[in-house]
Amino acid sequence: KVRKLQMLNGIIYHLKRPDLTNLQKFAEDCLTGIVFEDDSQVIEIISRKIYGVAPKTVIQVFLVS
């Protein structure tokens, strides 16, 4: 319980699976064909894995022109 509260409050990080690179691949695969044609068009990724009570994925997309 103490560890869970510390992760929820950002005191310690979530270091267990899934790892961040797999989460990034998941997001890229979900966005392929919707936001971009191919994930080779992605030029920058800023990502963070945060522990939460309910599992979710939040994606923000910014268009560069």
C-alpha atoms as a PDB file:
ATOM      1  CA  LYS A   1       0.000   0.000   0.000  1.00  0.00           C
ATOM      2  CA  VAL A   2       2.786   2.433   0.859  1.00  0.00           C
ATOM      3  CA  ARG A   3       4.557   1.805  -2.457  1.00  0.00           C
ATOM      4  CA  LYS A   4       1.318   2.250  -4.393  1.00  0.00           C
ATOM      5  CA  LEU A   5       0.669   5.596  -2.685  1.00  0.00           C
ATOM      6  CA  GLN A   6       4.228   6.718  -3.390  1.00  0.00           C
ATOM      7  CA  MET A   7       3.819   5.886  -7.089  1.00  0.00           C
ATOM      8  CA  LEU A   8       0.457   7.669  -7.259  1.00  0.00           C
ATOM      9  CA  ASN A   9       2.017  10.776  -5.702  1.00  0.00           C
ATOM     10  CA  GLY A  10       5.034  10.727  -8.019  1.00  0.00           C
ATOM     11  CA  ILE A  11       7.511  10.098  -5.212  1.00  0.00           C
ATOM     12  CA  ILE A  12       8.812   6.891  -6.796  1.00  0.00           C
ATOM     13  CA  TYR A  13       8.571   5.623 -10.392  1.00  0.00           C
ATOM     14  CA  HIS A  14       6.743   2.628 -11.819  1.00  0.00           C
ATOM     15  CA  LEU A  15       9.620   0.338 -12.846  1.00  0.00           C
ATOM     16  CA  LYS A  16       7.683  -2.834 -13.722  1.00  0.00           C
ATOM     17  CA  ARG A  17       6.315  -4.089 -17.031  1.00  0.00           C
ATOM     18  CA  PRO A  18       5.267  -2.993 -19.575  1.00  0.00           C
ATOM     19  CA  ASP A  19       8.402  -1.104 -20.484  1.00  0.00           C
ATOM     20  CA  LEU A  20       8.154   2.328 -22.058  1.00  0.00           C
ATOM     21  CA  THR A  21       9.447   1.329 -25.504  1.00  0.00           C
ATOM     22  CA  ASN A  22       6.704  -1.285 -25.854  1.00  0.00           C
ATOM     23  CA  LEU A  23       4.102   1.316 -24.884  1.00  0.00           C
ATOM     24  CA  GLN A  24       5.514   3.698 -27.517  1.00  0.00           C
ATOM     25  CA  LYS A  25       5.304   0.973 -30.188  1.00  0.00           C
ATOM     26  CA  PHE A  26       1.698   0.293 -29.163  1.00  0.00           C
ATOM     27  CA  ALA A  27       0.790   3.985 -29.556  1.00  0.00           C
ATOM     28  CA  GLU A  28       2.525   4.221 -32.959  1.00  0.00           C
ATOM     29  CA  ASP A  29       0.718   1.112 -34.195  1.00  0.00           C
ATOM     30  CA  CYS A  30      -2.641   2.507 -33.032  1.00  0.00           C
ATOM     31  CA  LEU A  31      -2.061   5.821 -34.814  1.00  0.00           C
ATOM     32  CA  THR A  32      -0.818   4.334 -38.110  1.00  0.00           C
ATOM     33  CA  GLY A  33      -3.416   4.944 -40.794  1.00  0.00           C
ATOM     34  CA  ILE A  34      -5.306   7.437 -38.619  1.00  0.00           C
ATOM     35  CA  VAL A  35      -2.862  10.248 -37.782  1.00  0.00           C
ATOM     36  CA  PHE A  36      -0.066   9.309 -40.191  1.00  0.00           C
ATOM     37  CA  GLU A  37       0.391   6.836 -43.029  1.00  0.00           C
ATOM     38  CA  ASP A  38       3.472   5.158 -41.594  1.00  0.00           C
ATOM     39  CA  ASP A  39       5.333   5.457 -38.296  1.00  0.00           C
ATOM     40  CA  SER A  40       8.440   6.517 -40.221  1.00  0.00           C
ATOM     41  CA  GLN A  41       6.758   9.955 -40.372  1.00  0.00           C
ATOM     42  CA  VAL A  42       7.134  10.388 -36.586  1.00  0.00           C
ATOM     43  CA  ILE A  43       9.924  12.896 -35.947  1.00  0.00           C
ATOM     44  CA  GLU A  44       9.794  13.308 -32.169  1.00  0.00           C
ATOM     45  CA  ILE A  45       8.424  11.429 -29.182  1.00  0.00           C
ATOM     46  CA  ILE A  46       8.261  12.692 -25.617  1.00  0.00           C
ATOM     47  CA  SER A  47       6.924   9.973 -23.351  1.00  0.00           C
ATOM     48  CA  ARG A  48       6.560   9.083 -19.715  1.00  0.00           C
ATOM     49  CA  LYS A  49       5.177   6.073 -17.874  1.00  0.00           C
ATOM     50  CA  ILE A  50       3.090   7.072 -14.863  1.00  0.00           C
ATOM     51  CA  TYR A  51       1.420   4.739 -12.386  1.00  0.00           C
ATOM     52  CA  GLY A  52      -2.338   5.195 -12.055  1.00  0.00           C
ATOM     53  CA  VAL A  53      -5.306   3.478 -10.472  1.00  0.00           C
ATOM     54  CA  ALA A  54      -7.050   2.826 -13.798  1.00  0.00           C
ATOM     55  CA  PRO A  55      -4.995   1.758 -16.826  1.00  0.00           C
ATOM     56  CA  LYS A  56      -5.125   4.230 -19.721  1.00  0.00           C
ATOM     57  CA  THR A  57      -3.127   5.688 -22.552  1.00  0.00           C
ATOM     58  CA  VAL A  58      -3.125   9.426 -23.236  1.00  0.00           C
ATOM     59  CA  ILE A  59      -1.853  10.607 -26.621  1.00  0.00           C
ATOM     60  CA  GLN A  60      -1.386  14.199 -27.740  1.00  0.00           C
ATOM     61  CA  VAL A  61      -0.652  14.876 -31.396  1.00  0.00           C
ATOM     62  CA  PHE A  62       0.835  18.137 -32.675  1.00  0.00           C
ATOM     63  CA  LEU A  63       1.032  18.829 -36.394  1.00  0.00           C
ATOM     64  CA  VAL A  64       4.210  20.370 -37.715  1.00  0.00           C
ATOM     65  CA  SER A  65       4.025  22.361 -40.914  1.00  0.00           C
END
